[in-house]
């Protein structure tokens, strides 16, 4: 299956792009997508417990993915 990984803020800088296509096996989860992304040079800095949204909704690591999903990697935000 193919999913589109989206990167924001510092994650975008580390990736050198705002999006990548990921190929995952059937039955893959958010955790599998995170593991695959973290194998790319520069993206190993993304934490295993990264905040992720699937199709614009926050999703826990055990969320099952489907072909065509968008998986957004959202870095921590601080402010004041």
C-alpha atoms as a PDB file:
ATOM      1  CA  UNK A   1       0.000   0.000   0.000  1.00  0.00           C
ATOM      2  CA  UNK A   2       1.062   3.586  -0.530  1.00  0.00           C
ATOM      3  CA  UNK A   3       0.593   6.443   1.906  1.00  0.00           C
ATOM      4  CA  UNK A   4       1.724  10.047   1.709  1.00  0.00           C
ATOM      5  CA  UNK A   5       3.897  11.283   4.575  1.00  0.00           C
ATOM      6  CA  UNK A   6       3.660  15.020   5.242  1.00  0.00           C
ATOM      7  CA  UNK A   7       6.268  16.932   7.243  1.00  0.00           C
ATOM      8  CA  UNK A   8       5.941  20.257   9.034  1.00  0.00           C
ATOM      9  CA  UNK A   9       8.356  22.814  10.529  1.00  0.00           C
ATOM     10  CA  UNK A  10      11.653  21.237  11.664  1.00  0.00           C
ATOM     11  CA  UNK A  11      10.640  17.827  10.304  1.00  0.00           C
ATOM     12  CA  UNK A  12      10.264  19.396   6.851  1.00  0.00           C
ATOM     13  CA  UNK A  13      13.748  20.872   7.157  1.00  0.00           C
ATOM     14  CA  UNK A  14      15.218  17.525   8.187  1.00  0.00           C
ATOM     15  CA  UNK A  15      13.451  15.718   5.315  1.00  0.00           C
ATOM     16  CA  UNK A  16      14.393  18.335   2.739  1.00  0.00           C
ATOM     17  CA  UNK A  17      10.839  18.112   1.401  1.00  0.00           C
ATOM     18  CA  UNK A  18       7.300  18.583   2.642  1.00  0.00           C
ATOM     19  CA  UNK A  19       6.089  15.134   1.529  1.00  0.00           C
ATOM     20  CA  UNK A  20       7.252  11.618   0.689  1.00  0.00           C
ATOM     21  CA  UNK A  21       5.453   8.573  -0.626  1.00  0.00           C
ATOM     22  CA  UNK A  22       5.801   5.534   1.621  1.00  0.00           C
ATOM     23  CA  UNK A  23       5.250   1.938   0.589  1.00  0.00           C
ATOM     24  CA  UNK A  24       4.016  -0.237   3.423  1.00  0.00           C
ATOM     25  CA  UNK A  25       2.665  -3.757   3.641  1.00  0.00           C
ATOM     26  CA  UNK A  26      -0.993  -4.521   4.129  1.00  0.00           C
ATOM     27  CA  UNK A  27      -2.040  -4.224   7.763  1.00  0.00           C
ATOM     28  CA  UNK A  28       0.561  -1.509   8.441  1.00  0.00           C
ATOM     29  CA  UNK A  29       0.018   0.895  11.317  1.00  0.00           C
ATOM     30  CA  UNK A  30       1.102   4.411  12.216  1.00  0.00           C
ATOM     31  CA  UNK A  31       3.980   2.844  14.185  1.00  0.00           C
ATOM     32  CA  UNK A  32       5.153   1.096  11.006  1.00  0.00           C
ATOM     33  CA  UNK A  33       5.092   4.400   9.103  1.00  0.00           C
ATOM     34  CA  UNK A  34       7.093   6.101  11.853  1.00  0.00           C
ATOM     35  CA  UNK A  35       9.670   3.307  11.787  1.00  0.00           C
ATOM     36  CA  UNK A  36      10.008   3.535   8.009  1.00  0.00           C
ATOM     37  CA  UNK A  37      10.355   7.326   8.035  1.00  0.00           C
ATOM     38  CA  UNK A  38      12.975   7.203  10.798  1.00  0.00           C
ATOM     39  CA  UNK A  39      15.184   5.029   8.537  1.00  0.00           C
ATOM     40  CA  UNK A  40      15.706   7.944   6.137  1.00  0.00           C
ATOM     41  CA  UNK A  41      18.836  10.073   6.586  1.00  0.00           C
ATOM     42  CA  UNK A  42      18.083  13.110   8.734  1.00  0.00           C
ATOM     43  CA  UNK A  43      14.742  11.777   9.897  1.00  0.00           C
ATOM     44  CA  UNK A  44      16.147   9.413  12.507  1.00  0.00           C
ATOM     45  CA  UNK A  45      15.787  12.425  14.839  1.00  0.00           C
ATOM     46  CA  UNK A  46      12.002  12.147  14.696  1.00  0.00           C
ATOM     47  CA  UNK A  47      11.037  10.475  17.983  1.00  0.00           C
ATOM     48  CA  UNK A  48       9.465   7.031  17.944  1.00  0.00           C
ATOM     49  CA  UNK A  49       6.610   8.604  19.899  1.00  0.00           C
ATOM     50  CA  UNK A  50       6.084  11.346  17.290  1.00  0.00           C
ATOM     51  CA  UNK A  51       2.717  13.077  17.127  1.00  0.00           C
ATOM     52  CA  UNK A  52       1.010  11.866  13.963  1.00  0.00           C
ATOM     53  CA  UNK A  53      -2.270  12.669  12.266  1.00  0.00           C
ATOM     54  CA  UNK A  54      -3.906  10.399   9.723  1.00  0.00           C
ATOM     55  CA  UNK A  55      -6.157  12.162   7.255  1.00  0.00           C
ATOM     56  CA  UNK A  56      -6.119  15.303   9.425  1.00  0.00           C
ATOM     57  CA  UNK A  57      -7.038  13.572  12.715  1.00  0.00           C
ATOM     58  CA  UNK A  58      -4.578  12.766  15.484  1.00  0.00           C
ATOM     59  CA  UNK A  59      -3.927   9.038  15.555  1.00  0.00           C
ATOM     60  CA  UNK A  60      -2.268   6.703  18.070  1.00  0.00           C
ATOM     61  CA  UNK A  61       0.531   4.394  16.965  1.00  0.00           C
ATOM     62  CA  UNK A  62      -1.736   1.349  16.656  1.00  0.00           C
ATOM     63  CA  UNK A  63      -4.013   3.029  14.084  1.00  0.00           C
ATOM     64  CA  UNK A  64      -4.302   0.902  10.943  1.00  0.00           C
ATOM     65  CA  UNK A  65      -3.428   2.611   7.685  1.00  0.00           C
ATOM     66  CA  UNK A  66      -5.139   2.234   4.315  1.00  0.00           C
ATOM     67  CA  UNK A  67      -3.916   2.784   0.815  1.00  0.00           C
ATOM     68  CA  UNK A  68      -3.983   6.487  -0.020  1.00  0.00           C
ATOM     69  CA  UNK A  69      -3.929   7.783   3.568  1.00  0.00           C
ATOM     70  CA  UNK A  70      -2.063  10.968   4.447  1.00  0.00           C
ATOM     71  CA  UNK A  71       0.170  10.619   7.492  1.00  0.00           C
ATOM     72  CA  UNK A  72       1.278  13.976   8.911  1.00  0.00           C
ATOM     73  CA  UNK A  73       4.295  14.173  11.206  1.00  0.00           C
ATOM     74  CA  UNK A  74       3.815  17.068  13.606  1.00  0.00           C
ATOM     75  CA  UNK A  75       6.770  18.353  15.651  1.00  0.00           C
ATOM     76  CA  UNK A  76       6.378  19.611  19.213  1.00  0.00           C
ATOM     77  CA  UNK A  77       5.207  23.205  19.430  1.00  0.00           C
ATOM     78  CA  UNK A  78       6.146  25.654  22.120  1.00  0.00           C
ATOM     79  CA  UNK A  79       5.029  29.163  22.658  1.00  0.00           C
ATOM     80  CA  UNK A  80       4.385  31.743  25.201  1.00  0.00           C
END
